[in-house]
Amino acid sequence: MKIQKILDRQGIVHTDPEIMSGVPVFVGTRVPLQTFFDYLEGESGLAEFLQDFPHLKTAALQVLEAIAKAMLVDRERETSADSA
């Protein structure tokens, strides 16, 4: 997954077989990245995640930023490919 590689490189999320059996988690926590995405898909979304995990506010915003940047890069590639 391209997003996970970006998040790993930026030190936001990591995987370690010793922590949560290697599930990607926010650095310094046992909060799985999937939990963040589950909240985003829920009714209250980001607001509820930040209420339940206020210590992850910066990390959550960094995840959203990485996703947005990856989406923009993908869109630019698609547009360039369509133009060629």
Protein backbone atom coordinates (compact mmCIF):
# COMPACT_ATOMS: atom_id res chain seq x y z
CA MET A 1 0.00 0.00 0.00
CA LYS A 2 1.54 3.29 -1.12
CA ILE A 3 -0.03 5.36 1.68
CA GLN A 4 1.35 3.06 4.37
CA LYS A 5 4.86 3.40 2.93
CA ILE A 6 4.56 7.20 3.08
CA LEU A 7 3.33 7.02 6.67
CA ASP A 8 6.13 4.62 7.63
CA ARG A 9 8.73 6.91 6.05
CA GLN A 10 7.33 9.96 7.87
CA GLY A 11 7.34 8.12 11.20
CA ILE A 12 3.58 8.37 11.70
CA VAL A 13 2.72 4.67 11.50
CA HIS A 14 4.84 1.58 11.86
CA THR A 15 4.60 -2.18 11.95
CA ASP A 16 6.39 -4.40 14.41
CA PRO A 17 5.73 -8.11 14.89
CA GLU A 18 6.08 -7.50 18.64
CA ILE A 19 3.28 -4.87 18.68
CA MET A 20 -0.27 -5.95 17.85
CA SER A 21 1.10 -8.89 15.83
CA GLY A 22 2.51 -6.57 13.18
CA VAL A 23 -0.69 -4.63 12.47
CA PRO A 24 0.17 -1.05 11.36
CA VAL A 25 -0.23 1.24 14.40
CA PHE A 26 0.38 4.90 15.14
CA VAL A 27 3.94 5.30 16.39
CA GLY A 28 4.18 5.16 20.18
CA THR A 29 0.72 3.62 20.55
CA ARG A 30 -1.20 0.41 20.05
CA VAL A 31 -3.90 2.22 18.07
CA PRO A 32 -4.22 0.49 14.68
CA LEU A 33 -4.32 2.62 11.55
CA GLN A 34 -7.40 0.62 10.57
CA THR A 35 -9.19 2.04 13.62
CA PHE A 36 -8.64 5.52 12.19
CA PHE A 37 -10.15 4.48 8.85
CA ASP A 38 -13.07 2.78 10.61
CA TYR A 39 -13.84 6.04 12.43
CA LEU A 40 -13.67 7.99 9.16
CA GLU A 41 -16.26 5.67 7.65
CA GLY A 42 -18.53 6.06 10.69
CA GLU A 43 -21.16 8.70 11.34
CA SER A 44 -19.08 11.08 13.45
CA GLY A 45 -15.89 10.47 11.53
CA LEU A 46 -12.79 12.48 12.30
CA ALA A 47 -14.40 14.47 15.12
CA GLU A 48 -15.17 11.32 17.10
CA PHE A 49 -11.69 9.87 16.48
CA LEU A 50 -10.08 13.06 17.78
CA GLN A 51 -12.39 13.06 20.79
CA ASP A 52 -11.53 9.44 21.62
CA PHE A 53 -7.80 9.76 20.81
CA PRO A 54 -6.89 13.43 21.39
CA HIS A 55 -3.19 12.56 21.66
CA LEU A 56 -3.28 11.48 17.99
CA LYS A 57 -4.60 14.76 16.56
CA THR A 58 -1.36 15.68 14.78
CA ALA A 59 -0.81 12.12 13.53
CA ALA A 60 -4.39 11.89 12.24
CA LEU A 61 -3.99 15.12 10.31
CA GLN A 62 -0.69 13.88 8.90
CA VAL A 63 -2.43 10.71 7.69
CA LEU A 64 -5.09 12.78 5.94
CA GLU A 65 -2.41 14.99 4.40
CA ALA A 66 -0.50 11.95 3.09
CA ILE A 67 -3.68 10.49 1.61
CA ALA A 68 -4.58 13.78 -0.07
CA LYS A 69 -1.09 14.17 -1.55
CA ALA A 70 -1.12 10.58 -2.85
CA MET A 71 -4.52 11.14 -4.43
CA LEU A 72 -3.29 14.33 -6.14
CA VAL A 73 -0.21 12.55 -7.49
CA ASP A 74 -2.38 9.71 -8.82
CA ARG A 75 -4.75 12.20 -10.44
CA GLU A 76 -1.84 14.05 -12.09
CA ARG A 77 -0.50 10.75 -13.45
CA GLU A 78 -3.93 9.83 -14.82
CA THR A 79 -4.31 13.24 -16.43
CA SER A 80 -0.83 13.01 -17.95
CA ALA A 81 -1.54 9.53 -19.26
CA ASP A 82 -4.84 10.63 -20.77
CA SER A 83 -3.14 13.57 -22.50
CA ALA A 84 -0.44 11.41 -24.06
